C-alpha atoms as a PDB file:
ATOM      1  CA  MET A   1      68.180  -5.718  12.294  1.00  0.00           C
ATOM      2  CA  SER A   2      64.385  -4.407  11.400  1.00  0.00           C
ATOM      3  CA  GLY A   3      63.769  -1.166   9.375  1.00  0.00           C
ATOM      4  CA  SER A   4      60.554  -0.660  11.719  1.00  0.00           C
ATOM      5  CA  THR A   5      60.374   2.474  13.859  1.00  0.00           C
ATOM      6  CA  THR A   6      56.883   1.169  15.708  1.00  0.00           C
ATOM      7  CA  PRO A   7      57.718   0.577  19.551  1.00  0.00           C
ATOM      8  CA  PRO A   8      57.537  -3.109  20.499  1.00  0.00           C
ATOM      9  CA  GLY A   9      54.061  -4.060  21.361  1.00  0.00           C
ATOM     10  CA  ALA A  10      52.481  -1.033  19.917  1.00  0.00           C
ATOM     11  CA  GLY A  11      50.123  -1.224  16.999  1.00  0.00           C
ATOM     12  CA  HIS A  12      48.077   0.859  14.790  1.00  0.00           C
ATOM     13  CA  GLY A  13      45.108   0.758  17.516  1.00  0.00           C
ATOM     14  CA  ASP A  14      47.424   2.445  19.851  1.00  0.00           C
ATOM     15  CA  ALA A  15      47.739   5.450  18.082  1.00  0.00           C
ATOM     16  CA  LEU A  16      46.818   8.686  20.056  1.00  0.00           C
ATOM     17  CA  GLU A  17      43.442   9.892  18.771  1.00  0.00           C
ATOM     18  CA  ALA A  18      43.713  13.743  17.831  1.00  0.00           C
ATOM     19  CA  PRO A  19      42.039  15.904  20.336  1.00  0.00           C
ATOM     20  CA  PRO A  20      38.831  17.310  18.924  1.00  0.00           C
ATOM     21  CA  LYS A  21      38.388  20.901  17.198  1.00  0.00           C
ATOM     22  CA  ARG A  22      37.349  23.166  19.555  1.00  0.00           C
ATOM     23  CA  ARG A  23      35.117  25.976  18.772  1.00  0.00           C
ATOM     24  CA  LEU A  24      33.330  29.178  21.020  1.00  0.00           C
ATOM     25  CA  VAL A  25      30.806  31.194  19.250  1.00  0.00           C
ATOM     26  CA  ILE A  26      29.731  34.724  20.403  1.00  0.00           C
ATOM     27  CA  LEU A  27      26.533  35.759  18.997  1.00  0.00           C
ATOM     28  CA  ALA A  28      26.635  39.500  19.023  1.00  0.00           C
ATOM     29  CA  ARG A  29      24.862  42.559  17.675  1.00  0.00           C
ATOM     30  CA  TRP A  30      26.598  45.626  16.278  1.00  0.00           C
ATOM     31  CA  PRO A  31      26.045  48.088  19.071  1.00  0.00           C
ATOM     32  CA  ALA A  32      24.691  51.183  16.580  1.00  0.00           C
ATOM     33  CA  PRO A  33      22.156  53.461  18.564  1.00  0.00           C
ATOM     34  CA  GLY A  34      18.488  52.629  17.827  1.00  0.00           C
ATOM     35  CA  ARG A  35      19.529  48.869  16.428  1.00  0.00           C
ATOM     36  CA  CYS A  36      20.407  47.006  19.810  1.00  0.00           C
ATOM     37  CA  LYS A  37      19.366  46.710  23.308  1.00  0.00           C
ATOM     38  CA  ARG A  38      15.796  48.099  22.472  1.00  0.00           C
ATOM     39  CA  ARG A  39      14.451  47.034  26.043  1.00  0.00           C
ATOM     40  CA  LEU A  40      17.077  48.815  27.673  1.00  0.00           C
ATOM     41  CA  ALA A  41      16.998  51.773  25.274  1.00  0.00           C
ATOM     42  CA  ALA A  42      13.381  52.337  26.158  1.00  0.00           C
ATOM     43  CA  GLU A  43      14.324  53.549  29.698  1.00  0.00           C
ATOM     44  CA  LEU A  44      18.083  54.744  29.184  1.00  0.00           C
ATOM     45  CA  GLY A  45      18.028  56.002  25.376  1.00  0.00           C
ATOM     46  CA  ASP A  46      19.347  54.693  22.359  1.00  0.00           C
ATOM     47  CA  ARG A  47      22.926  56.045  22.762  1.00  0.00           C
ATOM     48  CA  ARG A  48      23.497  54.774  26.456  1.00  0.00           C
ATOM     49  CA  ALA A  49      21.785  51.587  25.428  1.00  0.00           C
ATOM     50  CA  ALA A  50      24.344  51.096  22.466  1.00  0.00           C
ATOM     51  CA  ARG A  51      27.385  52.293  24.848  1.00  0.00           C
ATOM     52  CA  VAL A  52      26.201  49.251  27.282  1.00  0.00           C
ATOM     53  CA  GLN A  53      25.904  46.839  24.512  1.00  0.00           C
ATOM     54  CA  ASP A  54      29.620  47.698  23.258  1.00  0.00           C
ATOM     55  CA  ARG A  55      30.960  47.217  26.596  1.00  0.00           C
ATOM     56  CA  LEU A  56      29.204  44.168  27.048  1.00  0.00           C
ATOM     57  CA  THR A  57      30.725  42.809  23.828  1.00  0.00           C
ATOM     58  CA  HIS A  58      33.991  43.743  24.469  1.00  0.00           C
ATOM     59  CA  HIS A  59      33.715  42.113  27.609  1.00  0.00           C
ATOM     60  CA  ALA A  60      32.427  38.877  26.110  1.00  0.00           C
ATOM     61  CA  VAL A  61      34.949  38.774  23.594  1.00  0.00           C
ATOM     62  CA  ALA A  62      37.928  39.364  26.471  1.00  0.00           C
ATOM     63  CA  ALA A  63      36.689  36.712  28.486  1.00  0.00           C
ATOM     64  CA  SER A  64      36.387  34.342  25.671  1.00  0.00           C
ATOM     65  CA  ARG A  65      39.910  34.979  24.030  1.00  0.00           C
ATOM     66  CA  THR A  66      41.512  33.915  27.325  1.00  0.00           C
ATOM     67  CA  ALA A  67      39.321  30.801  27.566  1.00  0.00           C
ATOM     68  CA  CYS A  68      39.954  29.956  23.669  1.00  0.00           C
ATOM     69  CA  ALA A  69      43.877  30.245  24.790  1.00  0.00           C
ATOM     70  CA  GLY A  70      43.674  27.953  27.614  1.00  0.00           C
ATOM     71  CA  ALA A  71      41.485  25.685  25.873  1.00  0.00           C
ATOM     72  CA  ALA A  72      42.816  25.540  22.388  1.00  0.00           C
ATOM     73  CA  ALA A  73      39.576  26.810  21.052  1.00  0.00           C
ATOM     74  CA  GLU A  74      38.817  28.889  17.962  1.00  0.00           C
ATOM     75  CA  LEU A  75      36.730  31.854  18.771  1.00  0.00           C
ATOM     76  CA  VAL A  76      34.145  33.105  16.050  1.00  0.00           C
ATOM     77  CA  LEU A  77      31.989  35.929  16.139  1.00  0.00           C
ATOM     78  CA  ALA A  78      28.554  35.725  14.742  1.00  0.00           C
ATOM     79  CA  ALA A  79      27.464  39.188  13.914  1.00  0.00           C
ATOM     80  CA  SER A  80      24.359  40.706  12.973  1.00  0.00           C
ATOM     81  CA  GLY A  81      23.038  44.299  12.157  1.00  0.00           C
ATOM     82  CA  ILE A  82      25.877  45.095  10.019  1.00  0.00           C
ATOM     83  CA  GLY A  83      27.022  44.315   6.625  1.00  0.00           C
ATOM     84  CA  ALA A  84      29.532  41.157   5.792  1.00  0.00           C
ATOM     85  CA  SER A  85      32.431  43.528   5.239  1.00  0.00           C
ATOM     86  CA  ALA A  86      32.174  45.896   7.997  1.00  0.00           C
ATOM     87  CA  ALA A  87      31.456  42.974  10.515  1.00  0.00           C
ATOM     88  CA  ARG A  88      34.624  41.291   9.347  1.00  0.00           C
ATOM     89  CA  ARG A  89      36.594  44.157  10.165  1.00  0.00           C
ATOM     90  CA  TRP A  90      34.808  44.731  13.548  1.00  0.00           C
ATOM     91  CA  GLY A  91      35.205  41.237  14.446  1.00  0.00           C
ATOM     92  CA  LEU A  92      39.184  41.052  13.804  1.00  0.00           C
ATOM     93  CA  ALA A  93      39.595  44.266  15.619  1.00  0.00           C
ATOM     94  CA  LEU A  94      37.871  42.930  18.537  1.00  0.00           C
ATOM     95  CA  GLY A  95      40.117  39.658  18.374  1.00  0.00           C
ATOM     96  CA  ALA A  96      37.968  37.115  16.740  1.00  0.00           C
ATOM     97  CA  ASP A  97      39.758  34.299  14.816  1.00  0.00           C
ATOM     98  CA  GLN A  98      36.871  34.136  12.158  1.00  0.00           C
ATOM     99  CA  VAL A  99      33.812  36.447  11.460  1.00  0.00           C
ATOM    100  CA  VAL A 100      30.469  34.785  10.070  1.00  0.00           C
ATOM    101  CA  PRO A 101      26.703  36.050   9.851  1.00  0.00           C
ATOM    102  CA  GLN A 102      24.118  35.034  12.119  1.00  0.00           C
ATOM    103  CA  GLY A 103      21.497  35.188   9.351  1.00  0.00           C
ATOM    104  CA  THR A 104      17.806  35.874   9.733  1.00  0.00           C
ATOM    105  CA  GLY A 105      15.269  33.906  11.726  1.00  0.00           C
ATOM    106  CA  SER A 106      14.406  33.274  15.574  1.00  0.00           C
ATOM    107  CA  LEU A 107      17.285  32.649  18.042  1.00  0.00           C
ATOM    108  CA  GLY A 108      16.542  29.175  17.947  1.00  0.00           C
ATOM    109  CA  VAL A 109      17.089  29.193  13.794  1.00  0.00           C
ATOM    110  CA  ARG A 110      20.409  31.540  14.403  1.00  0.00           C
ATOM    111  CA  LEU A 111      21.921  29.132  16.954  1.00  0.00           C
ATOM    112  CA  ARG A 112      21.145  26.149  14.921  1.00  0.00           C
ATOM    113  CA  ARG A 113      22.836  27.629  11.920  1.00  0.00           C
ATOM    114  CA  GLN A 114      26.201  27.950  13.860  1.00  0.00           C
ATOM    115  CA  VAL A 115      25.740  24.418  15.050  1.00  0.00           C
ATOM    116  CA  VAL A 116      25.226  22.714  11.560  1.00  0.00           C
ATOM    117  CA  ARG A 117      28.035  25.152  10.358  1.00  0.00           C
ATOM    118  CA  ALA A 118      30.535  23.784  13.084  1.00  0.00           C
ATOM    119  CA  ARG A 119      29.561  20.151  12.420  1.00  0.00           C
ATOM    120  CA  ARG A 120      30.239  20.604   8.602  1.00  0.00           C
ATOM    121  CA  GLU A 121      33.812  22.231   9.531  1.00  0.00           C
ATOM    122  CA  GLY A 122      34.386  19.248  11.938  1.00  0.00           C
ATOM    123  CA  VAL A 123      34.176  20.801  15.266  1.00  0.00           C
ATOM    124  CA  GLY A 124      34.107  18.197  17.767  1.00  0.00           C
ATOM    125  CA  GLN A 125      33.042  20.524  20.877  1.00  0.00           C
ATOM    126  CA  LEU A 126      30.936  23.615  20.615  1.00  0.00           C
ATOM    127  CA  LEU A 127      30.347  26.335  22.724  1.00  0.00           C
ATOM    128  CA  LEU A 128      27.644  29.147  21.935  1.00  0.00           C
ATOM    129  CA  ILE A 129      27.063  32.374  24.079  1.00  0.00           C
ATOM    130  CA  GLY A 130      25.573  35.496  23.845  1.00  0.00           C
ATOM    131  CA  SER A 131      27.359  39.067  24.185  1.00  0.00           C
ATOM    132  CA  ASP A 132      25.061  40.265  27.294  1.00  0.00           C
ATOM    133  CA  LEU A 133      26.930  38.584  30.095  1.00  0.00           C
ATOM    134  CA  PRO A 134      28.483  41.157  32.627  1.00  0.00           C
ATOM    135  CA  GLU A 135      29.115  38.233  35.032  1.00  0.00           C
ATOM    136  CA  LEU A 136      31.089  36.179  32.591  1.00  0.00           C
ATOM    137  CA  ALA A 137      34.663  34.905  33.377  1.00  0.00           C
ATOM    138  CA  ALA A 138      36.949  32.874  31.355  1.00  0.00           C
ATOM    139  CA  ALA A 139      36.981  30.185  34.221  1.00  0.00           C
ATOM    140  CA  ASP A 140      33.077  29.682  33.202  1.00  0.00           C
ATOM    141  CA  LEU A 141      33.993  28.839  29.557  1.00  0.00           C
ATOM    142  CA  ILE A 142      37.039  26.655  30.549  1.00  0.00           C
ATOM    143  CA  GLU A 143      34.571  24.655  32.652  1.00  0.00           C
ATOM    144  CA  ALA A 144      32.068  24.110  29.979  1.00  0.00           C
ATOM    145  CA  PHE A 145      34.619  22.850  27.653  1.00  0.00           C
ATOM    146  CA  GLY A 146      35.785  20.667  30.374  1.00  0.00           C
ATOM    147  CA  VAL A 147      32.499  19.041  30.692  1.00  0.00           C
ATOM    148  CA  LEU A 148      32.292  18.105  27.040  1.00  0.00           C
ATOM    149  CA  ALA A 149      35.865  17.059  27.176  1.00  0.00           C
ATOM    150  CA  ARG A 150      34.764  14.572  29.626  1.00  0.00           C
ATOM    151  CA  GLY A 151      32.393  12.801  27.108  1.00  0.00           C
ATOM    152  CA  ALA A 152      28.901  14.891  27.998  1.00  0.00           C
ATOM    153  CA  PRO A 153      26.769  15.617  24.793  1.00  0.00           C
ATOM    154  CA  LEU A 154      25.105  18.655  26.086  1.00  0.00           C
ATOM    155  CA  VAL A 155      26.106  21.548  28.439  1.00  0.00           C
ATOM    156  CA  LEU A 156      23.840  24.471  29.370  1.00  0.00           C
ATOM    157  CA  GLY A 157      24.477  27.617  31.660  1.00  0.00           C
ATOM    158  CA  PRO A 158      21.163  28.518  33.370  1.00  0.00           C
ATOM    159  CA  ALA A 159      20.345  32.008  33.374  1.00  0.00           C
ATOM    160  CA  LEU A 160      18.520  33.854  36.319  1.00  0.00           C
ATOM    161  CA  ASP A 161      15.729  34.663  34.023  1.00  0.00           C
ATOM    162  CA  GLY A 162      14.678  31.279  33.414  1.00  0.00           C
ATOM    163  CA  GLY A 163      16.537  30.979  30.046  1.00  0.00           C
ATOM    164  CA  TYR A 164      20.103  30.277  29.360  1.00  0.00           C
ATOM    165  CA  TRP A 165      23.392  32.081  28.767  1.00  0.00           C
ATOM    166  CA  LEU A 166      25.519  29.147  27.207  1.00  0.00           C
ATOM    167  CA  ILE A 167      24.780  26.015  25.513  1.00  0.00           C
ATOM    168  CA  GLY A 168      27.230  23.771  24.220  1.00  0.00           C
ATOM    169  CA  LEU A 169      27.540  20.179  22.030  1.00  0.00           C
ATOM    170  CA  GLY A 170      30.108  17.672  22.034  1.00  0.00           C
ATOM    171  CA  TRP A 171      30.504  14.715  19.418  1.00  0.00           C
ATOM    172  CA  ARG A 172      32.878  12.190  19.398  1.00  0.00           C
ATOM    173  CA  GLY A 173      34.492  12.052  16.211  1.00  0.00           C
ATOM    174  CA  VAL A 174      33.898  13.908  13.223  1.00  0.00           C
ATOM    175  CA  GLY A 175      30.827  11.887  12.207  1.00  0.00           C
ATOM    176  CA  GLY A 176      30.172  10.578  15.803  1.00  0.00           C
ATOM    177  CA  GLY A 177      28.239  11.317  18.595  1.00  0.00           C
ATOM    178  CA  CYS A 178      24.699  10.067  18.866  1.00  0.00           C
ATOM    179  CA  ALA A 179      22.638  10.491  15.533  1.00  0.00           C
ATOM    180  CA  ALA A 180      20.336  13.260  17.099  1.00  0.00           C
ATOM    181  CA  ALA A 181      23.393  15.661  17.983  1.00  0.00           C
ATOM    182  CA  SER A 182      25.380  14.780  14.784  1.00  0.00           C
ATOM    183  CA  ALA A 183      22.178  16.307  12.643  1.00  0.00           C
ATOM    184  CA  GLY A 184      22.067  19.420  14.843  1.00  0.00           C
ATOM    185  CA  ALA A 185      19.679  18.394  17.767  1.00  0.00           C
ATOM    186  CA  PRO A 186      17.087  20.332  15.922  1.00  0.00           C
ATOM    187  CA  ARG A 187      14.622  19.744  18.777  1.00  0.00           C
ATOM    188  CA  LEU A 188      16.981  21.662  21.125  1.00  0.00           C
ATOM    189  CA  PHE A 189      16.343  24.969  19.093  1.00  0.00           C
ATOM    190  CA  ALA A 190      12.642  24.343  17.807  1.00  0.00           C
ATOM    191  CA  GLY A 191      11.103  22.593  20.961  1.00  0.00           C
ATOM    192  CA  ALA A 192       9.959  19.123  21.639  1.00  0.00           C
ATOM    193  CA  ALA A 193       6.193  19.867  21.888  1.00  0.00           C
ATOM    194  CA  GLY A 194       5.849  23.256  20.242  1.00  0.00           C
ATOM    195  CA  PRO A 195       8.279  26.259  19.465  1.00  0.00           C
ATOM    196  CA  ILE A 196      10.643  27.237  22.444  1.00  0.00           C
ATOM    197  CA  PRO A 197       9.335  30.630  23.661  1.00  0.00           C
ATOM    198  CA  TRP A 198      12.651  32.466  23.417  1.00  0.00           C
ATOM    199  CA  GLY A 199      12.713  35.597  25.996  1.00  0.00           C
ATOM    200  CA  THR A 200      10.523  34.003  28.601  1.00  0.00           C
ATOM    201  CA  SER A 201      11.095  32.341  31.792  1.00  0.00           C
ATOM    202  CA  ALA A 202      10.490  28.846  30.154  1.00  0.00           C
ATOM    203  CA  VAL A 203      13.107  28.612  27.934  1.00  0.00           C
ATOM    204  CA  LEU A 204      15.747  26.368  29.928  1.00  0.00           C
ATOM    205  CA  ARG A 205      12.945  24.030  31.011  1.00  0.00           C
ATOM    206  CA  GLN A 206      11.380  23.334  27.433  1.00  0.00           C
ATOM    207  CA  THR A 207      15.044  23.252  26.363  1.00  0.00           C
ATOM    208  CA  LEU A 208      15.576  20.494  28.798  1.00  0.00           C
ATOM    209  CA  ALA A 209      12.355  18.599  27.661  1.00  0.00           C
ATOM    210  CA  ALA A 210      13.669  18.771  24.198  1.00  0.00           C
ATOM    211  CA  ALA A 211      17.025  17.486  25.106  1.00  0.00           C
ATOM    212  CA  ASP A 212      15.229  14.236  26.449  1.00  0.00           C
ATOM    213  CA  GLN A 213      13.788  13.873  23.320  1.00  0.00           C
ATOM    214  CA  GLU A 214      16.956  14.185  21.713  1.00  0.00           C
ATOM    215  CA  ALA A 215      18.427  11.227  24.030  1.00  0.00           C
ATOM    216  CA  LEU A 216      20.619  14.039  25.304  1.00  0.00           C
ATOM    217  CA  LEU A 217      21.695  14.147  28.674  1.00  0.00           C
ATOM    218  CA  ALA A 218      22.466  17.970  29.655  1.00  0.00           C
ATOM    219  CA  THR A 219      25.011  18.735  32.360  1.00  0.00           C
ATOM    220  CA  LEU A 220      24.236  22.466  34.239  1.00  0.00           C
ATOM    221  CA  VAL A 221      27.108  24.792  35.053  1.00  0.00           C
ATOM    222  CA  ALA A 222      27.134  27.929  37.149  1.00  0.00           C
ATOM    223  CA  THR A 223      23.913  30.161  36.880  1.00  0.00           C
ATOM    224  CA  ARG A 224      24.557  33.477  35.412  1.00  0.00           C
ATOM    225  CA  ALA A 225      22.631  36.711  34.943  1.00  0.00           C
ATOM    226  CA  ASP A 226      22.251  38.463  31.494  1.00  0.00           C
ATOM    227  CA  LEU A 227      21.626  42.400  30.672  1.00  0.00           C
ATOM    228  CA  ASP A 228      18.111  42.816  28.661  1.00  0.00           C
ATOM    229  CA  ARG A 229      16.288  45.123  30.457  1.00  0.00           C
ATOM    230  CA  PRO A 230      17.106  48.173  32.916  1.00  0.00           C
ATOM    231  CA  GLY A 231      16.725  46.226  36.263  1.00  0.00           C
ATOM    232  CA  ASP A 232      19.456  43.736  35.250  1.00  0.00           C
ATOM    233  CA  LEU A 233      22.098  46.302  35.453  1.00  0.00           C
ATOM    234  CA  ALA A 234      21.874  45.810  39.336  1.00  0.00           C
ATOM    235  CA  HIS A 235      24.252  42.631  38.494  1.00  0.00           C
ATOM    236  CA  TRP A 236      26.669  44.722  36.677  1.00  0.00           C
ATOM    237  CA  ARG A 237      28.979  46.785  38.805  1.00  0.00           C
END
């Protein structure tokens, strides 16, 4: 009688591949009066704008926690506008699994920093969102993870203002995927023919052009509204 426990006909090549490590990162700013939502504060005042920011952040985290539970993903808060120790207390109190700094630089620089960090830590499927999404639902995030799980290298959630509310990248294996994506897909965040004009209606269009340069086929999910200006409050009930 053989001492092997390998089923008949099975070999090493038949071993199930471990599921990829999933991560959802929320980029959020500490909701302090005078230090957040400045375009909103110009009309509502600093304190009201900060309260809006606080509510939006709690909403984003709540939806994200539900999605992460359903998708077996890690929830990371990338914080700005607050010191490291206070940020950690804030993020853990909100329910994040990990709290990291956003660091300095343009939005593109800060987004790519999270991509590079995720790849260094072995993440295979990564979603990045902001904290100003009154319409965000856990189902939106689960759908985006599903797109990546089906092998798509790039998923984008268009925003009504011409930007995007979500960007996600997927890699096949720890070191796999296409070379551009494995290196952090720099043109997605820096632009293909000049800097991406963050905060304008051209962001999504230019990001798609950069994706072409990176040889990444983008899949679009639902369009959502973000909340940056007083007029955007109409989308929040």
